[in-house]
Every structure is written in C-alpha cells, then in structure tokens.
Protein backbone atom coordinates (compact mmCIF):
# COMPACT_ATOMS: atom_id res chain seq x y z
CA UNK A 1 -16.09 15.11 19.75
CA UNK A 2 -17.86 18.11 18.22
CA UNK A 3 -16.59 19.40 14.91
CA UNK A 4 -17.60 22.51 13.09
CA UNK A 5 -17.79 22.45 9.32
CA UNK A 6 -15.76 25.13 7.55
CA UNK A 7 -17.65 27.64 5.42
CA UNK A 8 -15.91 26.42 2.25
CA UNK A 9 -17.20 22.89 2.83
CA UNK A 10 -20.72 24.19 3.49
CA UNK A 11 -20.58 26.21 0.25
CA UNK A 12 -19.35 23.15 -1.67
CA UNK A 13 -22.27 21.10 -0.30
CA UNK A 14 -24.84 23.77 -1.18
CA UNK A 15 -23.49 24.08 -4.72
CA UNK A 16 -23.53 20.31 -5.27
CA UNK A 17 -26.82 19.50 -3.55
CA UNK A 18 -25.21 17.56 -0.71
CA UNK A 19 -27.24 17.58 2.49
CA UNK A 20 -24.92 16.71 5.37
CA UNK A 21 -23.86 17.95 8.76
CA UNK A 22 -20.64 15.93 8.72
CA UNK A 23 -17.56 15.68 6.50
CA UNK A 24 -18.49 12.28 5.08
CA UNK A 25 -21.43 11.45 2.86
CA UNK A 26 -22.57 9.47 -0.17
CA UNK A 27 -23.65 11.08 -3.42
CA UNK A 28 -25.26 9.16 -6.29
CA UNK A 29 -24.36 10.48 -9.75
CA UNK A 30 -25.88 8.86 -12.84
CA UNK A 31 -26.45 5.64 -10.88
CA UNK A 32 -22.93 5.41 -9.44
CA UNK A 33 -22.01 5.72 -5.76
CA UNK A 34 -19.44 8.31 -4.73
CA UNK A 35 -18.62 7.67 -1.08
CA UNK A 36 -16.79 10.69 0.29
CA UNK A 37 -14.77 10.42 3.50
CA UNK A 38 -13.37 13.35 5.41
CA UNK A 39 -10.82 14.16 8.06
CA UNK A 40 -12.69 15.00 11.25
CA UNK A 41 -9.73 16.32 13.21
CA UNK A 42 -6.13 16.51 12.17
CA UNK A 43 -2.63 16.95 13.17
CA UNK A 44 -0.84 16.98 9.84
CA UNK A 45 0.76 13.55 10.28
CA UNK A 46 -2.25 11.70 11.67
CA UNK A 47 -5.60 12.66 10.12
CA UNK A 48 -8.49 11.49 12.27
CA UNK A 49 -11.38 9.43 10.96
CA UNK A 50 -13.72 8.38 13.78
CA UNK A 51 -14.93 4.85 14.40
CA UNK A 52 -18.40 6.16 13.54
CA UNK A 53 -17.12 7.25 10.11
CA UNK A 54 -15.40 3.92 9.49
CA UNK A 55 -18.55 2.02 10.56
CA UNK A 56 -20.59 4.21 8.19
CA UNK A 57 -18.10 3.66 5.34
CA UNK A 58 -18.20 -0.09 5.83
CA UNK A 59 -22.01 -0.09 5.64
CA UNK A 60 -22.15 2.27 2.62
CA UNK A 61 -19.51 0.35 0.70
CA UNK A 62 -21.13 -3.00 1.42
CA UNK A 63 -24.46 -1.71 0.06
CA UNK A 64 -22.84 -0.07 -2.98
CA UNK A 65 -20.90 -3.13 -4.22
CA UNK A 66 -24.09 -5.23 -4.27
CA UNK A 67 -25.29 -3.13 -7.23
CA UNK A 68 -22.50 -4.52 -9.44
CA UNK A 69 -21.37 -1.08 -10.67
CA UNK A 70 -18.04 0.69 -10.11
CA UNK A 71 -17.91 2.50 -6.76
CA UNK A 72 -15.80 5.59 -6.13
CA UNK A 73 -14.42 6.10 -2.60
CA UNK A 74 -13.02 9.60 -2.22
CA UNK A 75 -10.49 10.45 0.50
CA UNK A 76 -8.12 13.41 0.54
CA UNK A 77 -5.12 11.33 1.57
CA UNK A 78 -3.83 8.12 0.02
CA UNK A 79 -4.07 5.04 2.19
CA UNK A 80 -0.44 5.13 3.35
CA UNK A 81 -0.94 8.69 4.68
CA UNK A 82 -3.97 7.94 6.88
CA UNK A 83 -1.90 7.40 10.02
CA UNK A 84 -3.76 5.42 12.68
CA UNK A 85 -6.73 4.91 10.35
CA UNK A 86 -4.79 3.30 7.49
CA UNK A 87 -5.19 -0.27 8.69
CA UNK A 88 -8.93 0.04 9.26
CA UNK A 89 -9.46 1.74 5.88
CA UNK A 90 -7.41 -0.97 4.14
CA UNK A 91 -9.46 -3.70 5.80
CA UNK A 92 -12.80 -2.11 4.87
CA UNK A 93 -11.70 -1.70 1.24
CA UNK A 94 -10.30 -5.22 1.06
CA UNK A 95 -13.44 -6.79 2.54
CA UNK A 96 -15.68 -4.89 0.14
CA UNK A 97 -13.47 -5.73 -2.86
CA UNK A 98 -13.70 -9.43 -1.99
CA UNK A 99 -17.47 -9.24 -2.57
CA UNK A 100 -17.43 -6.78 -5.48
CA UNK A 101 -18.30 -7.62 -9.06
CA UNK A 102 -17.04 -4.25 -10.35
CA UNK A 103 -14.08 -2.08 -9.41
CA UNK A 104 -13.86 -0.02 -6.26
CA UNK A 105 -11.78 3.03 -7.09
CA UNK A 106 -10.13 4.69 -4.07
CA UNK A 107 -9.43 8.24 -5.22
CA UNK A 108 -7.05 10.48 -3.27
CA UNK A 109 -5.23 13.67 -4.11
CA UNK A 110 -2.96 14.70 -1.26
CA UNK A 111 0.29 13.83 -3.05
CA UNK A 112 -0.54 16.02 -6.07
CA UNK A 113 1.70 14.14 -8.45
CA UNK A 114 1.45 12.09 -11.55
CA UNK A 115 3.95 9.28 -11.76
CA UNK A 116 4.66 5.75 -10.60
CA UNK A 117 2.20 5.88 -7.69
CA UNK A 118 -0.61 7.55 -9.60
CA UNK A 119 -2.39 4.33 -10.45
CA UNK A 120 -2.07 1.09 -8.48
CA UNK A 121 -4.10 -2.11 -8.42
CA UNK A 122 -4.43 -3.89 -5.11
CA UNK A 123 -6.47 -6.72 -6.62
CA UNK A 124 -9.05 -7.55 -9.25
CA UNK A 125 -11.62 -5.12 -7.86
CA UNK A 126 -9.60 -2.59 -5.87
CA UNK A 127 -7.80 0.28 -7.57
CA UNK A 128 -5.95 3.23 -6.00
CA UNK A 129 -5.84 6.45 -8.00
CA UNK A 130 -3.89 9.47 -6.76
CA UNK A 131 -5.07 12.57 -8.58
CA UNK A 132 -2.51 15.18 -9.53
CA UNK A 133 -3.11 18.83 -8.76
CA UNK A 134 -5.03 21.41 -10.69
CA UNK A 135 -3.31 24.23 -8.81
CA UNK A 136 0.44 23.78 -8.65
CA UNK A 137 2.80 25.08 -11.32
CA UNK A 138 4.27 22.45 -13.60
CA UNK A 139 1.37 20.02 -13.34
CA UNK A 140 -1.63 22.34 -13.19
CA UNK A 141 -4.75 21.06 -14.89
CA UNK A 142 -3.85 17.38 -14.69
CA UNK A 143 -6.44 14.80 -13.73
CA UNK A 144 -8.39 11.79 -14.94
CA UNK A 145 -11.54 11.31 -16.92
CA UNK A 146 -13.53 8.25 -15.79
CA UNK A 147 -15.99 6.61 -18.15
CA UNK A 148 -18.04 3.45 -17.70
CA UNK A 149 -18.86 1.50 -20.87
CA UNK A 150 -19.90 -2.11 -21.47
CA UNK A 151 -18.56 -3.58 -18.21
CA UNK A 152 -15.36 -1.56 -18.41
CA UNK A 153 -14.11 1.40 -16.39
CA UNK A 154 -11.93 3.59 -18.60
CA UNK A 155 -9.54 6.01 -16.92
CA UNK A 156 -7.87 8.57 -19.14
CA UNK A 157 -5.16 10.86 -17.80
CA UNK A 158 -5.92 14.37 -19.01
CA UNK A 159 -4.41 17.81 -19.18
CA UNK A 160 -7.65 19.70 -18.70
CA UNK A 161 -6.04 23.06 -19.45
CA UNK A 162 -5.30 21.95 -23.01
CA UNK A 163 -8.05 19.29 -23.21
CA UNK A 164 -5.56 16.61 -24.29
CA UNK A 165 -4.97 13.06 -23.05
CA UNK A 166 -1.70 12.25 -21.28
CA UNK A 167 0.40 9.58 -22.96
CA UNK A 168 0.92 6.52 -20.79
CA UNK A 169 -1.94 7.22 -18.36
CA UNK A 170 -4.83 5.37 -19.95
CA UNK A 171 -6.27 2.37 -18.14
CA UNK A 172 -9.14 0.02 -18.83
CA UNK A 173 -10.49 -2.13 -16.03
CA UNK A 174 -12.97 -4.74 -17.22
CA UNK A 175 -15.51 -6.36 -14.93
C-alpha cells in the first residue's frame, strides 16, 4: 500500500528536524524517547496501522524501555478508538510495560476532553493520557506539562492560555 504524506505533515517534520518518509517515527528529546505512531489509511471508524508499523513500534518500544527512562508513545486516537488495531497496540504496550522500569505514557488526543478518562493507569508502568484540545471553545489551551525529576514523572494539567495549573489534574508517577 502506497501512502502519500500530506504537506502539513511534511512541514511539521521539517520544522522539528524529523527525517521520515512515513507517518511513524521516533524522536529523542533531552534523552527521552518519543515514539510517534500514525494512521496510514483511514475510514473514520477504523484507522489503519500496518503490520509493518506495529512490528516497528514493538522493536522501538522494546529498545526504549531498556534505558530505564520514561517513554512517550504518541498516537492520535486513544486505544479504544483504534478499531482493528486496538488489540495489537494493547498487547505491544502491555508486553513492553512488563519489562519497563519507568513509565510508558501513551498519549492520545482524539477525544479532546478533560475529565474522567483524561488520565488512566493500566498498571505500574503503563499510563494512558488523553490530551484535551487547544482549539475548541470552552477548553481551548488545555494540556499537560510533563517533567521528569528524581525517578518521578510529574504531570501537571495546565491552561496554557492563562499559564495556570488545573486543580485536580496533577499526577506523580514514581519509578
């Protein structure tokens, strides 16, 4: 299956120094792995992630957890919205978390909400974080600040438009 990358994605990659010819890649930032997955073909209800992408993710994640640092897996949709790929993604994350010494943070944003499903722990080293939107009225500017300090991952819910923390959305994950 041949896929063409949209111009907006190419511009994003150029701006951020990402060299890729596919919609999934790994970027190291200050010693931390950000493993970015991407929908390769999509009908709205069943986003497609190829076996090649899942094989790549499994390999990248396995290598990243060995380092003993938090790992950030970025996917547009939360696990439950991945259609046919949900089971494989869940298995890859679960297998990696079983061998991790630090948290794996699965970051999604499709739901664009902040509430009960914003932050969920699937185990000692697997955390799901659904980012709210920076575009929609009523919750614009909301997001999370992630900091790593002394074997702890601190997640602070933020209103970035006013530069203020959100009450009730502060989490510390020690490892």
